[in-house]
Structures are given as structure tokens and as C-alpha cells.
Amino acid sequence: MLEKQSSSLITLAHTKMPYGKYKGYYLVDIPESYYVWYRNKGFPPGSFGILLASMYEIKLNGLEDLIRKVKKNYPAPIKK
């Protein structure tokens, strides 16, 4: 289980926004206000929505530095 959680954090740290105003930005670099807007609107379904909801919680609790450290210290996962 810990391995899956670690993998999820690494994926989260290296994921970029695929569309919209912040297209191309790493999720960790998008302002908290955008995640609050998404929270009120409703996160999209599926795995990307889970990433956005996770980043909302991380931003809400001031843990962005944790994600930045993961991004710096662990390589991006290889896409299949």
C-alpha cells in the first residue's frame, strides 16, 4: 500500500494541467483559488479529478513544499 501511495505522490508531483487557463503548469504551481473554484464547481470524474481533489487538500493544508520536494527528488513515472 505504501508503494502505491508513493507512486501516487510522484505522479501528482509531475502532472501538468492538460487544458484551460493553466494548461502546461504543474498542478502544484496552480494557485489555490483555482482549486477552490473547482471544489465548488465539482472536480471532473476519473483519475484526473482525483489528482485535482488531492491537490486541493494539499494546498488547503499548506503542504505544497512536500510535493515540490517529491518532484525534485523522484523522477517522473514512465508512461505506458
Protein backbone atom coordinates (compact mmCIF):
# COMPACT_ATOMS: atom_id res chain seq x y z
CA MET A 1 0.00 0.00 0.00
CA LEU A 2 2.82 2.42 0.83
CA GLU A 3 4.34 1.83 -2.60
CA LYS A 4 1.05 2.79 -4.28
CA GLN A 5 0.80 5.96 -2.15
CA SER A 6 4.39 6.88 -3.02
CA SER A 7 3.70 6.30 -6.68
CA SER A 8 0.57 8.48 -6.44
CA LEU A 9 2.53 11.35 -4.90
CA ILE A 10 5.20 11.10 -7.59
CA THR A 11 2.52 11.13 -10.29
CA LEU A 12 0.83 14.11 -8.63
CA ALA A 13 4.13 16.00 -8.39
CA HIS A 14 4.88 15.56 -12.11
CA THR A 15 1.42 16.07 -13.58
CA LYS A 16 0.72 19.16 -15.66
CA MET A 17 -2.67 20.71 -16.33
CA PRO A 18 -3.77 19.45 -19.77
CA TYR A 19 -6.28 22.22 -20.56
CA GLY A 20 -7.66 25.64 -19.68
CA LYS A 21 -6.14 28.77 -18.23
CA TYR A 22 -3.26 26.88 -16.59
CA LYS A 23 -2.51 24.44 -19.42
CA GLY A 24 1.09 23.23 -19.14
CA TYR A 25 1.53 24.26 -15.49
CA TYR A 26 2.47 21.65 -12.91
CA LEU A 27 -0.53 21.11 -10.67
CA VAL A 28 1.48 22.24 -7.63
CA ASP A 29 2.15 25.61 -9.33
CA ILE A 30 -1.52 26.44 -9.91
CA PRO A 31 -2.98 28.89 -7.36
CA GLU A 32 -5.13 27.58 -4.52
CA SER A 33 -8.02 29.78 -5.68
CA TYR A 34 -8.33 27.66 -8.84
CA TYR A 35 -8.73 24.52 -6.74
CA VAL A 36 -11.33 26.24 -4.55
CA TRP A 37 -13.24 27.15 -7.73
CA TYR A 38 -13.03 23.53 -8.91
CA ARG A 39 -14.16 22.28 -5.50
CA ASN A 40 -17.26 24.46 -5.71
CA LYS A 41 -17.92 23.51 -9.34
CA GLY A 42 -17.15 19.83 -8.86
CA PHE A 43 -13.97 18.00 -9.80
CA PRO A 44 -14.08 16.08 -13.07
CA PRO A 45 -14.68 12.33 -12.88
CA GLY A 46 -11.89 9.82 -13.10
CA SER A 47 -8.23 9.75 -12.19
CA PHE A 48 -7.51 13.36 -13.16
CA GLY A 49 -10.32 14.56 -10.92
CA ILE A 50 -8.77 12.59 -8.08
CA LEU A 51 -5.44 14.35 -8.70
CA LEU A 52 -7.15 17.75 -8.65
CA ALA A 53 -9.04 16.92 -5.45
CA SER A 54 -5.81 15.69 -3.85
CA MET A 55 -4.00 18.89 -4.79
CA TYR A 56 -6.90 20.89 -3.34
CA GLU A 57 -6.38 19.16 0.01
CA ILE A 58 -2.60 19.64 -0.19
CA LYS A 59 -2.97 23.35 -0.95
CA LEU A 60 -5.66 23.79 1.71
CA ASN A 61 -3.29 22.35 4.32
CA GLY A 62 -0.17 24.22 3.14
CA LEU A 63 1.74 21.11 2.05
CA GLU A 64 2.90 22.28 -1.38
CA ASP A 65 6.55 22.09 -0.32
CA LEU A 66 6.13 18.34 0.19
CA ILE A 67 5.03 17.95 -3.44
CA ARG A 68 7.85 20.19 -4.68
CA LYS A 69 10.38 18.03 -2.79
CA VAL A 70 8.91 14.87 -4.32
CA LYS A 71 9.10 16.47 -7.79
CA LYS A 72 12.74 17.43 -7.21
CA ASN A 73 13.91 14.14 -5.68
CA TYR A 74 11.99 11.50 -7.64
CA PRO A 75 11.86 11.11 -11.41
CA ALA A 76 8.58 11.28 -13.28
CA PRO A 77 6.90 7.90 -13.71
CA ILE A 78 7.25 6.30 -17.10
CA LYS A 79 4.00 6.46 -19.04
CA LYS A 80 2.80 3.19 -20.51
